[in-house]
Amino acid sequence: MSYVDGFVAAVPTANKQAYLDHSKMAAGVFKELGALSVVECWGDDVPDGKLTSFPIAVQKKDDETVVFSWIVWPSRAARNEGMKAVMSDPRFAPDKNPMPFDGKRLIYGGFDMILEQ
């Protein structure tokens, strides 16, 4: 089965278009470097929790929106190769393509896909 990298972040709501532009560029690079698909989701119904929630996890501020995204790779090995290439790709240099959100509050992880229907 495939391998998935998942991400949750808080993006300033005013930066929605900048985030979309950044994501489109990044998705093209990820796919060029081996990703099968890239999905970006803009929060619409993301409630605050009392103990846990997406907003709590990313320390969302009032003027921010939670985003949820994932990248599907053919395998963990393909992901490791692809991500290594992405990290050294000049198109991701902060001065050329700055992240339109606080990367320190980005939550991410890699997952083995165990079911897809």
PDB file of N, CA and C in Angstrom:
ATOM      1  N   MET A   1       0.839  -1.198   0.000  1.00  0.00           N
ATOM      2  CA  MET A   1       0.000   0.000   0.000  1.00  0.00           C
ATOM      3  C   MET A   1       0.874   1.247   0.000  1.00  0.00           C
ATOM      4  N   SER A   2       0.256   2.350  -0.267  1.00  0.00           N
ATOM      5  CA  SER A   2       0.945   3.638  -0.352  1.00  0.00           C
ATOM      6  C   SER A   2       1.365   4.147   1.022  1.00  0.00           C
ATOM      7  N   TYR A   3       2.095   5.239   0.999  1.00  0.00           N
ATOM      8  CA  TYR A   3       2.559   5.909   2.208  1.00  0.00           C
ATOM      9  C   TYR A   3       2.031   7.340   2.166  1.00  0.00           C
ATOM     10  N   VAL A   4       1.612   7.871   3.322  1.00  0.00           N
ATOM     11  CA  VAL A   4       0.990   9.193   3.370  1.00  0.00           C
ATOM     12  C   VAL A   4       1.701  10.080   4.377  1.00  0.00           C
ATOM     13  N   ASP A   5       2.012  11.305   3.969  1.00  0.00           N
ATOM     14  CA  ASP A   5       2.458  12.344   4.887  1.00  0.00           C
ATOM     15  C   ASP A   5       1.251  13.220   5.162  1.00  0.00           C
ATOM     16  N   GLY A   6       0.944  13.459   6.445  1.00  0.00           N
ATOM     17  CA  GLY A   6      -0.193  14.290   6.820  1.00  0.00           C
ATOM     18  C   GLY A   6       0.270  15.550   7.518  1.00  0.00           C
ATOM     19  N   PHE A   7      -0.479  16.636   7.337  1.00  0.00           N
ATOM     20  CA  PHE A   7      -0.113  17.939   7.880  1.00  0.00           C
ATOM     21  C   PHE A   7      -1.351  18.669   8.402  1.00  0.00           C
ATOM     22  N   VAL A   8      -1.181  19.378   9.511  1.00  0.00           N
ATOM     23  CA  VAL A   8      -2.201  20.276  10.036  1.00  0.00           C
ATOM     24  C   VAL A   8      -1.485  21.564  10.416  1.00  0.00           C
ATOM     25  N   ALA A   9      -2.051  22.694  10.013  1.00  0.00           N
ATOM     26  CA  ALA A   9      -1.423  23.989  10.309  1.00  0.00           C
ATOM     27  C   ALA A   9      -2.502  25.041  10.516  1.00  0.00           C
ATOM     28  N   ALA A  10      -2.099  26.155  11.098  1.00  0.00           N
ATOM     29  CA  ALA A  10      -2.966  27.324  11.231  1.00  0.00           C
ATOM     30  C   ALA A  10      -2.426  28.386  10.272  1.00  0.00           C
ATOM     31  N   VAL A  11      -3.276  28.844   9.366  1.00  0.00           N
ATOM     32  CA  VAL A  11      -2.874  29.826   8.362  1.00  0.00           C
ATOM     33  C   VAL A  11      -3.659  31.109   8.599  1.00  0.00           C
ATOM     34  N   PRO A  12      -2.995  32.269   8.598  1.00  0.00           N
ATOM     35  CA  PRO A  12      -3.763  33.511   8.690  1.00  0.00           C
ATOM     36  C   PRO A  12      -4.828  33.528   7.596  1.00  0.00           C
ATOM     37  N   THR A  13      -6.054  33.759   7.988  1.00  0.00           N
ATOM     38  CA  THR A  13      -7.169  33.723   7.051  1.00  0.00           C
ATOM     39  C   THR A  13      -6.938  34.687   5.889  1.00  0.00           C
ATOM     40  N   ALA A  14      -6.315  35.812   6.158  1.00  0.00           N
ATOM     41  CA  ALA A  14      -6.015  36.788   5.106  1.00  0.00           C
ATOM     42  C   ALA A  14      -5.017  36.247   4.088  1.00  0.00           C
ATOM     43  N   ASN A  15      -4.302  35.191   4.429  1.00  0.00           N
ATOM     44  CA  ASN A  15      -3.292  34.610   3.534  1.00  0.00           C
ATOM     45  C   ASN A  15      -3.821  33.430   2.714  1.00  0.00           C
ATOM     46  N   LYS A  16      -5.135  33.280   2.624  1.00  0.00           N
ATOM     47  CA  LYS A  16      -5.689  32.115   1.936  1.00  0.00           C
ATOM     48  C   LYS A  16      -5.167  32.003   0.498  1.00  0.00           C
ATOM     49  N   GLN A  17      -5.189  33.089  -0.256  1.00  0.00           N
ATOM     50  CA  GLN A  17      -4.730  33.023  -1.647  1.00  0.00           C
ATOM     51  C   GLN A  17      -3.230  32.749  -1.703  1.00  0.00           C
ATOM     52  N   ALA A  18      -2.462  33.369  -0.830  1.00  0.00           N
ATOM     53  CA  ALA A  18      -1.016  33.115  -0.792  1.00  0.00           C
ATOM     54  C   ALA A  18      -0.746  31.654  -0.452  1.00  0.00           C
ATOM     55  N   TYR A  19      -1.542  31.100   0.475  1.00  0.00           N
ATOM     56  CA  TYR A  19      -1.393  29.688   0.828  1.00  0.00           C
ATOM     57  C   TYR A  19      -1.729  28.802  -0.375  1.00  0.00           C
ATOM     58  N   LEU A  20      -2.791  29.121  -1.075  1.00  0.00           N
ATOM     59  CA  LEU A  20      -3.181  28.338  -2.244  1.00  0.00           C
ATOM     60  C   LEU A  20      -2.101  28.406  -3.326  1.00  0.00           C
ATOM     61  N   ASP A  21      -1.565  29.597  -3.568  1.00  0.00           N
ATOM     62  CA  ASP A  21      -0.503  29.751  -4.556  1.00  0.00           C
ATOM     63  C   ASP A  21       0.724  28.932  -4.160  1.00  0.00           C
ATOM     64  N   HIS A  22       1.110  29.021  -2.885  1.00  0.00           N
ATOM     65  CA  HIS A  22       2.248  28.253  -2.364  1.00  0.00           C
ATOM     66  C   HIS A  22       1.987  26.757  -2.516  1.00  0.00           C
ATOM     67  N   SER A  23       0.778  26.341  -2.192  1.00  0.00           N
ATOM     68  CA  SER A  23       0.422  24.923  -2.259  1.00  0.00           C
ATOM     69  C   SER A  23       0.431  24.393  -3.684  1.00  0.00           C
ATOM     70  N   LYS A  24      -0.047  25.188  -4.634  1.00  0.00           N
ATOM     71  CA  LYS A  24      -0.041  24.755  -6.032  1.00  0.00           C
ATOM     72  C   LYS A  24       1.388  24.548  -6.522  1.00  0.00           C
ATOM     73  N   MET A  25       2.276  25.484  -6.184  1.00  0.00           N
ATOM     74  CA  MET A  25       3.666  25.347  -6.588  1.00  0.00           C
ATOM     75  C   MET A  25       4.268  24.105  -5.930  1.00  0.00           C
ATOM     76  N   ALA A  26       4.045  23.954  -4.631  1.00  0.00           N
ATOM     77  CA  ALA A  26       4.611  22.824  -3.889  1.00  0.00           C
ATOM     78  C   ALA A  26       4.073  21.499  -4.419  1.00  0.00           C
ATOM     79  N   ALA A  27       2.788  21.434  -4.703  1.00  0.00           N
ATOM     80  CA  ALA A  27       2.193  20.191  -5.206  1.00  0.00           C
ATOM     81  C   ALA A  27       2.853  19.773  -6.518  1.00  0.00           C
ATOM     82  N   GLY A  28       3.117  20.725  -7.387  1.00  0.00           N
ATOM     83  CA  GLY A  28       3.784  20.415  -8.641  1.00  0.00           C
ATOM     84  C   GLY A  28       5.163  19.824  -8.412  1.00  0.00           C
ATOM     85  N   VAL A  29       5.898  20.396  -7.464  1.00  0.00           N
ATOM     86  CA  VAL A  29       7.243  19.891  -7.156  1.00  0.00           C
ATOM     87  C   VAL A  29       7.156  18.507  -6.528  1.00  0.00           C
ATOM     88  N   PHE A  30       6.260  18.324  -5.558  1.00  0.00           N
ATOM     89  CA  PHE A  30       6.115  17.012  -4.919  1.00  0.00           C
ATOM     90  C   PHE A  30       5.792  15.938  -5.965  1.00  0.00           C
ATOM     91  N   LYS A  31       4.887  16.246  -6.878  1.00  0.00           N
ATOM     92  CA  LYS A  31       4.515  15.266  -7.908  1.00  0.00           C
ATOM     93  C   LYS A  31       5.675  15.025  -8.872  1.00  0.00           C
ATOM     94  N   GLU A  32       6.399  16.064  -9.195  1.00  0.00           N
ATOM     95  CA  GLU A  32       7.583  15.914 -10.045  1.00  0.00           C
ATOM     96  C   GLU A  32       8.613  14.988  -9.385  1.00  0.00           C
ATOM     97  N   LEU A  33       8.658  15.013  -8.059  1.00  0.00           N
ATOM     98  CA  LEU A  33       9.649  14.246  -7.311  1.00  0.00           C
ATOM     99  C   LEU A  33       9.101  12.932  -6.754  1.00  0.00           C
ATOM    100  N   GLY A  34       7.953  12.473  -7.266  1.00  0.00           N
ATOM    101  CA  GLY A  34       7.491  11.136  -6.949  1.00  0.00           C
ATOM    102  C   GLY A  34       6.172  10.987  -6.235  1.00  0.00           C
ATOM    103  N   ALA A  35       5.579  12.071  -5.741  1.00  0.00           N
ATOM    104  CA  ALA A  35       4.284  11.958  -5.063  1.00  0.00           C
ATOM    105  C   ALA A  35       3.203  11.560  -6.065  1.00  0.00           C
ATOM    106  N   LEU A  36       2.248  10.771  -5.598  1.00  0.00           N
ATOM    107  CA  LEU A  36       1.119  10.373  -6.437  1.00  0.00           C
ATOM    108  C   LEU A  36       0.027  11.430  -6.452  1.00  0.00           C
ATOM    109  N   SER A  37      -0.209  12.059  -5.292  1.00  0.00           N
ATOM    110  CA  SER A  37      -1.221  13.107  -5.211  1.00  0.00           C
ATOM    111  C   SER A  37      -0.943  13.990  -4.002  1.00  0.00           C
ATOM    112  N   VAL A  38      -1.478  15.205  -4.074  1.00  0.00           N
ATOM    113  CA  VAL A  38      -1.364  16.180  -2.992  1.00  0.00           C
ATOM    114  C   VAL A  38      -2.761  16.759  -2.784  1.00  0.00           C
ATOM    115  N   VAL A  39      -3.223  16.784  -1.538  1.00  0.00           N
ATOM    116  CA  VAL A  39      -4.551  17.310  -1.216  1.00  0.00           C
ATOM    117  C   VAL A  39      -4.403  18.402  -0.166  1.00  0.00           C
ATOM    118  N   GLU A  40      -5.029  19.537  -0.410  1.00  0.00           N
ATOM    119  CA  GLU A  40      -5.046  20.661   0.527  1.00  0.00           C
ATOM    120  C   GLU A  40      -6.490  20.973   0.887  1.00  0.00           C
ATOM    121  N   CYS A  41      -6.786  21.109   2.166  1.00  0.00           N
ATOM    122  CA  CYS A  41      -8.147  21.384   2.619  1.00  0.00           C
ATOM    123  C   CYS A  41      -8.147  22.614   3.527  1.00  0.00           C
ATOM    124  N   TRP A  42      -9.045  23.546   3.259  1.00  0.00           N
ATOM    125  CA  TRP A  42      -9.195  24.781   4.038  1.00  0.00           C
ATOM    126  C   TRP A  42     -10.323  24.565   5.038  1.00  0.00           C
ATOM    127  N   GLY A  43     -10.059  24.782   6.321  1.00  0.00           N
ATOM    128  CA  GLY A  43     -11.036  24.518   7.367  1.00  0.00           C
ATOM    129  C   GLY A  43     -12.364  25.226   7.149  1.00  0.00           C
ATOM    130  N   ASP A  44     -13.444  24.493   7.338  1.00  0.00           N
ATOM    131  CA  ASP A  44     -14.788  25.034   7.180  1.00  0.00           C
ATOM    132  C   ASP A  44     -15.625  24.780   8.437  1.00  0.00           C
ATOM    133  N   ASP A  45     -15.488  23.596   9.008  1.00  0.00           N
ATOM    134  CA  ASP A  45     -16.239  23.212  10.209  1.00  0.00           C
ATOM    135  C   ASP A  45     -15.255  22.503  11.135  1.00  0.00           C
ATOM    136  N   VAL A  46     -14.403  23.296  11.785  1.00  0.00           N
ATOM    137  CA  VAL A  46     -13.324  22.766  12.627  1.00  0.00           C
ATOM    138  C   VAL A  46     -13.526  23.320  14.044  1.00  0.00           C
ATOM    139  N   PRO A  47     -14.296  22.610  14.866  1.00  0.00           N
ATOM    140  CA  PRO A  47     -14.660  23.142  16.176  1.00  0.00           C
ATOM    141  C   PRO A  47     -13.494  23.158  17.169  1.00  0.00           C
ATOM    142  N   ASP A  48     -13.557  24.118  18.075  1.00  0.00           N
ATOM    143  CA  ASP A  48     -12.630  24.142  19.211  1.00  0.00           C
ATOM    144  C   ASP A  48     -13.008  23.009  20.142  1.00  0.00           C
ATOM    145  N   GLY A  49     -12.026  22.443  20.781  1.00  0.00           N
ATOM    146  CA  GLY A  49     -12.284  21.388  21.746  1.00  0.00           C
ATOM    147  C   GLY A  49     -11.971  21.855  23.153  1.00  0.00           C
ATOM    148  N   LYS A  50     -12.260  21.016  24.116  1.00  0.00           N
ATOM    149  CA  LYS A  50     -11.914  21.329  25.501  1.00  0.00           C
ATOM    150  C   LYS A  50     -10.589  20.688  25.882  1.00  0.00           C
ATOM    151  N   LEU A  51     -10.357  19.457  25.427  1.00  0.00           N
ATOM    152  CA  LEU A  51      -9.100  18.753  25.708  1.00  0.00           C
ATOM    153  C   LEU A  51      -8.221  18.661  24.481  1.00  0.00           C
ATOM    154  N   THR A  52      -8.814  18.270  23.356  1.00  0.00           N
ATOM    155  CA  THR A  52      -8.062  18.154  22.111  1.00  0.00           C
ATOM    156  C   THR A  52      -8.911  18.652  20.956  1.00  0.00           C
ATOM    157  N   SER A  53      -8.240  19.140  19.934  1.00  0.00           N
ATOM    158  CA  SER A  53      -8.897  19.557  18.695  1.00  0.00           C
ATOM    159  C   SER A  53      -7.803  20.031  17.754  1.00  0.00           C
ATOM    160  N   PHE A  54      -8.139  20.166  16.502  1.00  0.00           N
ATOM    161  CA  PHE A  54      -7.190  20.728  15.555  1.00  0.00           C
ATOM    162  C   PHE A  54      -6.782  22.144  15.976  1.00  0.00           C
ATOM    163  N   PRO A  55      -7.741  23.032  16.316  1.00  0.00           N
ATOM    164  CA  PRO A  55      -7.345  24.382  16.712  1.00  0.00           C
ATOM    165  C   PRO A  55      -6.393  24.403  17.921  1.00  0.00           C
ATOM    166  N   ILE A  56      -6.649  23.553  18.908  1.00  0.00           N
ATOM    167  CA  ILE A  56      -5.759  23.496  20.068  1.00  0.00           C
ATOM    168  C   ILE A  56      -4.380  22.995  19.657  1.00  0.00           C
ATOM    169  N   ALA A  57      -4.356  21.961  18.840  1.00  0.00           N
ATOM    170  CA  ALA A  57      -3.087  21.351  18.457  1.00  0.00           C
ATOM    171  C   ALA A  57      -2.161  22.333  17.744  1.00  0.00           C
ATOM    172  N   VAL A  58      -2.714  23.208  16.906  1.00  0.00           N
ATOM    173  CA  VAL A  58      -1.881  24.145  16.150  1.00  0.00           C
ATOM    174  C   VAL A  58      -1.865  25.543  16.771  1.00  0.00           C
ATOM    175  N   GLN A  59      -2.444  25.673  17.967  1.00  0.00           N
ATOM    176  CA  GLN A  59      -2.488  26.956  18.669  1.00  0.00           C
ATOM    177  C   GLN A  59      -3.083  28.055  17.786  1.00  0.00           C
ATOM    178  N   LYS A  60      -4.228  27.724  17.169  1.00  0.00           N
ATOM    179  CA  LYS A  60      -4.901  28.635  16.253  1.00  0.00           C
ATOM    180  C   LYS A  60      -5.295  29.932  16.936  1.00  0.00           C
ATOM    181  N   LYS A  61      -5.020  31.033  16.247  1.00  0.00           N
ATOM    182  CA  LYS A  61      -5.421  32.358  16.724  1.00  0.00           C
ATOM    183  C   LYS A  61      -6.749  32.729  16.060  1.00  0.00           C
ATOM    184  N   ASP A  62      -7.402  33.759  16.593  1.00  0.00           N
ATOM    185  CA  ASP A  62      -8.722  34.146  16.089  1.00  0.00           C
ATOM    186  C   ASP A  62      -8.726  34.512  14.607  1.00  0.00           C
ATOM    187  N   ASP A  63      -7.622  35.014  14.106  1.00  0.00           N
ATOM    188  CA  ASP A  63      -7.572  35.437  12.701  1.00  0.00           C
ATOM    189  C   ASP A  63      -6.953  34.372  11.790  1.00  0.00           C
ATOM    190  N   GLU A  64      -6.985  33.122  12.225  1.00  0.00           N
ATOM    191  CA  GLU A  64      -6.397  32.032  11.457  1.00  0.00           C
ATOM    192  C   GLU A  64      -7.436  30.957  11.140  1.00  0.00           C
ATOM    193  N   THR A  65      -7.126  30.156  10.139  1.00  0.00           N
ATOM    194  CA  THR A  65      -7.958  29.030   9.729  1.00  0.00           C
ATOM    195  C   THR A  65      -7.096  27.777   9.745  1.00  0.00           C
ATOM    196  N   VAL A  66      -7.666  26.671  10.196  1.00  0.00           N
ATOM    197  CA  VAL A  66      -6.937  25.401  10.208  1.00  0.00           C
ATOM    198  C   VAL A  66      -6.959  24.798   8.802  1.00  0.00           C
ATOM    199  N   VAL A  67      -5.791  24.338   8.359  1.00  0.00           N
ATOM    200  CA  VAL A  67      -5.702  23.604   7.101  1.00  0.00           C
ATOM    201  C   VAL A  67      -5.255  22.181   7.399  1.00  0.00           C
ATOM    202  N   PHE A  68      -5.724  21.273   6.571  1.00  0.00           N
ATOM    203  CA  PHE A  68      -5.433  19.843   6.708  1.00  0.00           C
ATOM    204  C   PHE A  68      -5.005  19.370   5.325  1.00  0.00           C
ATOM    205  N   SER A  69      -3.867  18.747   5.238  1.00  0.00           N
ATOM    206  CA  SER A  69      -3.390  18.322   3.928  1.00  0.00           C
ATOM    207  C   SER A  69      -2.642  17.004   4.024  1.00  0.00           C
ATOM    208  N   TRP A  70      -2.499  16.356   2.862  1.00  0.00           N
ATOM    209  CA  TRP A  70      -1.736  15.127   2.833  1.00  0.00           C
ATOM    210  C   TRP A  70      -1.131  14.925   1.456  1.00  0.00           C
ATOM    211  N   ILE A  71      -0.043  14.174   1.469  1.00  0.00           N
ATOM    212  CA  ILE A  71       0.660  13.805   0.241  1.00  0.00           C
ATOM    213  C   ILE A  71       0.693  12.285   0.199  1.00  0.00           C
ATOM    214  N   VAL A  72       0.284  11.710  -0.916  1.00  0.00           N
ATOM    215  CA  VAL A  72       0.321  10.257  -1.084  1.00  0.00           C
ATOM    216  C   VAL A  72       1.545   9.905  -1.927  1.00  0.00           C
ATOM    217  N   TRP A  73       2.330   8.976  -1.408  1.00  0.00           N
ATOM    218  CA  TRP A  73       3.537   8.490  -2.075  1.00  0.00           C
ATOM    219  C   TRP A  73       3.358   7.003  -2.381  1.00  0.00           C
ATOM    220  N   PRO A  74       4.088   6.479  -3.368  1.00  0.00           N
ATOM    221  CA  PRO A  74       3.991   5.057  -3.664  1.00  0.00           C
ATOM    222  C   PRO A  74       4.492   4.169  -2.524  1.00  0.00           C
ATOM    223  N   SER A  75       5.455   4.679  -1.737  1.00  0.00           N
ATOM    224  CA  SER A  75       6.049   3.897  -0.655  1.00  0.00           C
ATOM    225  C   SER A  75       6.794   4.844   0.279  1.00  0.00           C
ATOM    226  N   ARG A  76       7.197   4.321   1.426  1.00  0.00           N
ATOM    227  CA  ARG A  76       8.001   5.146   2.337  1.00  0.00           C
ATOM    228  C   ARG A  76       9.358   5.463   1.704  1.00  0.00           C
ATOM    229  N   ALA A  77       9.933   4.525   0.997  1.00  0.00           N
ATOM    230  CA  ALA A  77      11.222   4.771   0.338  1.00  0.00           C
ATOM    231  C   ALA A  77      11.096   5.903  -0.681  1.00  0.00           C
ATOM    232  N   ALA A  78      10.007   5.899  -1.465  1.00  0.00           N
ATOM    233  CA  ALA A  78       9.778   6.970  -2.439  1.00  0.00           C
ATOM    234  C   ALA A  78       9.590   8.300  -1.724  1.00  0.00           C
ATOM    235  N   ARG A  79       8.894   8.268  -0.610  1.00  0.00           N
ATOM    236  CA  ARG A  79       8.699   9.486   0.185  1.00  0.00           C
ATOM    237  C   ARG A  79      10.025   9.994   0.713  1.00  0.00           C
ATOM    238  N   ASN A  80      10.860   9.114   1.257  1.00  0.00           N
ATOM    239  CA  ASN A  80      12.149   9.542   1.796  1.00  0.00           C
ATOM    240  C   ASN A  80      13.011  10.183   0.709  1.00  0.00           C
ATOM    241  N   GLU A  81      13.048   9.577  -0.459  1.00  0.00           N
ATOM    242  CA  GLU A  81      13.797  10.140  -1.593  1.00  0.00           C
ATOM    243  C   GLU A  81      13.201  11.471  -2.029  1.00  0.00           C
ATOM    244  N   GLY A  82      11.879  11.504  -2.186  1.00  0.00           N
ATOM    245  CA  GLY A  82      11.203  12.714  -2.627  1.00  0.00           C
ATOM    246  C   GLY A  82      11.372  13.862  -1.663  1.00  0.00           C
ATOM    247  N   MET A  83      11.208  13.591  -0.366  1.00  0.00           N
ATOM    248  CA  MET A  83      11.331  14.653   0.628  1.00  0.00           C
ATOM    249  C   MET A  83      12.772  15.162   0.718  1.00  0.00           C
ATOM    250  N   LYS A  84      13.730  14.280   0.572  1.00  0.00           N
ATOM    251  CA  LYS A  84      15.134  14.701   0.570  1.00  0.00           C
ATOM    252  C   LYS A  84      15.374  15.663  -0.588  1.00  0.00           C
ATOM    253  N   ALA A  85      14.841  15.330  -1.748  1.00  0.00           N
ATOM    254  CA  ALA A  85      14.982  16.192  -2.918  1.00  0.00           C
ATOM    255  C   ALA A  85      14.252  17.520  -2.724  1.00  0.00           C
ATOM    256  N   VAL A  86      13.066  17.472  -2.123  1.00  0.00           N
ATOM    257  CA  VAL A  86      12.296  18.694  -1.873  1.00  0.00           C
ATOM    258  C   VAL A  86      13.079  19.633  -0.960  1.00  0.00           C
ATOM    259  N   MET A  87      13.674  19.090   0.090  1.00  0.00           N
ATOM    260  CA  MET A  87      14.380  19.923   1.063  1.00  0.00           C
ATOM    261  C   MET A  87      15.588  20.647   0.458  1.00  0.00           C
ATOM    262  N   SER A  88      16.142  20.117  -0.619  1.00  0.00           N
ATOM    263  CA  SER A  88      17.281  20.779  -1.252  1.00  0.00           C
ATOM    264  C   SER A  88      16.886  21.517  -2.538  1.00  0.00           C
ATOM    265  N   ASP A  89      15.607  21.496  -2.885  1.00  0.00           N
ATOM    266  CA  ASP A  89      15.141  22.135  -4.109  1.00  0.00           C
ATOM    267  C   ASP A  89      15.116  23.662  -3.930  1.00  0.00           C
ATOM    268  N   PRO A  90      15.774  24.403  -4.823  1.00  0.00           N
ATOM    269  CA  PRO A  90      15.818  25.863  -4.681  1.00  0.00           C
ATOM    270  C   PRO A  90      14.450  26.532  -4.771  1.00  0.00           C
ATOM    271  N   ARG A  91      13.458  25.844  -5.340  1.00  0.00           N
ATOM    272  CA  ARG A  91      12.114  26.435  -5.408  1.00  0.00           C
ATOM    273  C   ARG A  91      11.470  26.562  -4.036  1.00  0.00           C
ATOM    274  N   PHE A  92      12.041  25.867  -3.031  1.00  0.00           N
ATOM    275  CA  PHE A  92      11.519  25.957  -1.671  1.00  0.00           C
ATOM    276  C   PHE A  92      12.346  26.870  -0.773  1.00  0.00           C
ATOM    277  N   ALA A  93      13.307  27.567  -1.335  1.00  0.00           N
ATOM    278  CA  ALA A  93      14.129  28.491  -0.538  1.00  0.00           C
ATOM    279  C   ALA A  93      13.217  29.548   0.080  1.00  0.00           C
ATOM    280  N   PRO A  94      13.376  29.798   1.375  1.00  0.00           N
ATOM    281  CA  PRO A  94      12.484  30.751   2.056  1.00  0.00           C
ATOM    282  C   PRO A  94      12.440  32.135   1.416  1.00  0.00           C
ATOM    283  N   ASP A  95      13.541  32.573   0.815  1.00  0.00           N
ATOM    284  CA  ASP A  95      13.539  33.893   0.187  1.00  0.00           C
ATOM    285  C   ASP A  95      12.784  33.889  -1.146  1.00  0.00           C
ATOM    286  N   LYS A  96      12.637  32.726  -1.778  1.00  0.00           N
ATOM    287  CA  LYS A  96      11.919  32.630  -3.049  1.00  0.00           C
ATOM    288  C   LYS A  96      10.465  32.243  -2.867  1.00  0.00           C
ATOM    289  N   ASN A  97      10.182  31.437  -1.852  1.00  0.00           N
ATOM    290  CA  ASN A  97       8.830  30.932  -1.649  1.00  0.00           C
ATOM    291  C   ASN A  97       8.556  30.793  -0.149  1.00  0.00           C
ATOM    292  N   PRO A  98       8.419  31.926   0.547  1.00  0.00           N
ATOM    293  CA  PRO A  98       8.201  31.843   2.000  1.00  0.00           C
ATOM    294  C   PRO A  98       6.863  31.189   2.342  1.00  0.00           C
ATOM    295  N   MET A  99       6.854  30.425   3.427  1.00  0.00           N
ATOM    296  CA  MET A  99       5.601  29.807   3.870  1.00  0.00           C
ATOM    297  C   MET A  99       4.658  30.907   4.364  1.00  0.00           C
ATOM    298  N   PRO A 100       3.402  30.892   3.945  1.00  0.00           N
ATOM    299  CA  PRO A 100       2.449  31.925   4.362  1.00  0.00           C
ATOM    300  C   PRO A 100       1.777  31.600   5.699  1.00  0.00           C
ATOM    301  N   PHE A 101       2.511  30.924   6.588  1.00  0.00           N
ATOM    302  CA  PHE A 101       2.000  30.581   7.915  1.00  0.00           C
ATOM    303  C   PHE A 101       3.194  30.302   8.816  1.00  0.00           C
ATOM    304  N   ASP A 102       2.934  30.144  10.105  1.00  0.00           N
ATOM    305  CA  ASP A 102       3.977  29.880  11.085  1.00  0.00           C
ATOM    306  C   ASP A 102       4.334  28.391  11.079  1.00  0.00           C
ATOM    307  N   GLY A 103       5.440  28.058  10.455  1.00  0.00           N
ATOM    308  CA  GLY A 103       5.860  26.670  10.331  1.00  0.00           C
ATOM    309  C   GLY A 103       6.179  26.002  11.660  1.00  0.00           C
ATOM    310  N   LYS A 104       6.408  26.781  12.707  1.00  0.00           N
ATOM    311  CA  LYS A 104       6.697  26.199  14.027  1.00  0.00           C
ATOM    312  C   LYS A 104       5.478  25.505  14.619  1.00  0.00           C
ATOM    313  N   ARG A 105       4.287  25.872  14.125  1.00  0.00           N
ATOM    314  CA  ARG A 105       3.060  25.259  14.633  1.00  0.00           C
ATOM    315  C   ARG A 105       2.485  24.223  13.675  1.00  0.00           C
ATOM    316  N   LEU A 106       3.250  23.854  12.683  1.00  0.00           N
ATOM    317  CA  LEU A 106       2.851  22.815  11.740  1.00  0.00           C
ATOM    318  C   LEU A 106       3.001  21.448  12.401  1.00  0.00           C
ATOM    319  N   ILE A 107       1.978  20.632  12.279  1.00  0.00           N
ATOM    320  CA  ILE A 107       2.031  19.257  12.785  1.00  0.00           C
ATOM    321  C   ILE A 107       2.107  18.350  11.564  1.00  0.00           C
ATOM    322  N   TYR A 108       3.015  17.398  11.593  1.00  0.00           N
ATOM    323  CA  TYR A 108       3.149  16.506  10.448  1.00  0.00           C
ATOM    324  C   TYR A 108       3.586  15.125  10.902  1.00  0.00           C
ATOM    325  N   GLY A 109       3.357  14.167  10.054  1.00  0.00           N
ATOM    326  CA  GLY A 109       3.795  12.804  10.334  1.00  0.00           C
ATOM    327  C   GLY A 109       3.592  11.932   9.120  1.00  0.00           C
ATOM    328  N   GLY A 110       4.316  10.818   9.094  1.00  0.00           N
ATOM    329  CA  GLY A 110       4.207   9.843   8.023  1.00  0.00           C
ATOM    330  C   GLY A 110       3.414   8.634   8.484  1.00  0.00           C
ATOM    331  N   PHE A 111       2.599   8.097   7.575  1.00  0.00           N
ATOM    332  CA  PHE A 111       1.693   7.014   7.945  1.00  0.00           C
ATOM    333  C   PHE A 111       1.676   5.928   6.881  1.00  0.00           C
ATOM    334  N   ASP A 112       1.706   4.685   7.337  1.00  0.00           N
ATOM    335  CA  ASP A 112       1.462   3.547   6.447  1.00  0.00           C
ATOM    336  C   ASP A 112      -0.022   3.481   6.178  1.00  0.00           C
ATOM    337  N   MET A 113      -0.418   3.442   4.928  1.00  0.00           N
ATOM    338  CA  MET A 113      -1.827   3.316   4.583  1.00  0.00           C
ATOM    339  C   MET A 113      -2.234   1.870   4.830  1.00  0.00           C
ATOM    340  N   ILE A 114      -3.275   1.670   5.621  1.00  0.00           N
ATOM    341  CA  ILE A 114      -3.716   0.300   5.917  1.00  0.00           C
ATOM    342  C   ILE A 114      -5.093  -0.021   5.337  1.00  0.00           C
ATOM    343  N   LEU A 115      -5.810   0.997   4.857  1.00  0.00           N
ATOM    344  CA  LEU A 115      -7.113   0.765   4.228  1.00  0.00           C
ATOM    345  C   LEU A 115      -7.369   1.893   3.261  1.00  0.00           C
ATOM    346  N   GLU A 116      -7.812   1.547   2.060  1.00  0.00           N
ATOM    347  CA  GLU A 116      -8.268   2.522   1.079  1.00  0.00           C
ATOM    348  C   GLU A 116      -9.407   1.868   0.320  1.00  0.00           C
ATOM    349  N   GLN A 117     -10.575   2.472   0.346  1.00  0.00           N
ATOM    350  CA  GLN A 117     -11.744   1.885  -0.319  1.00  0.00           C
ATOM    351  C   GLN A 117     -12.311   2.844  -1.334  1.00  0.00           C
TER     352      GLN A 117
END
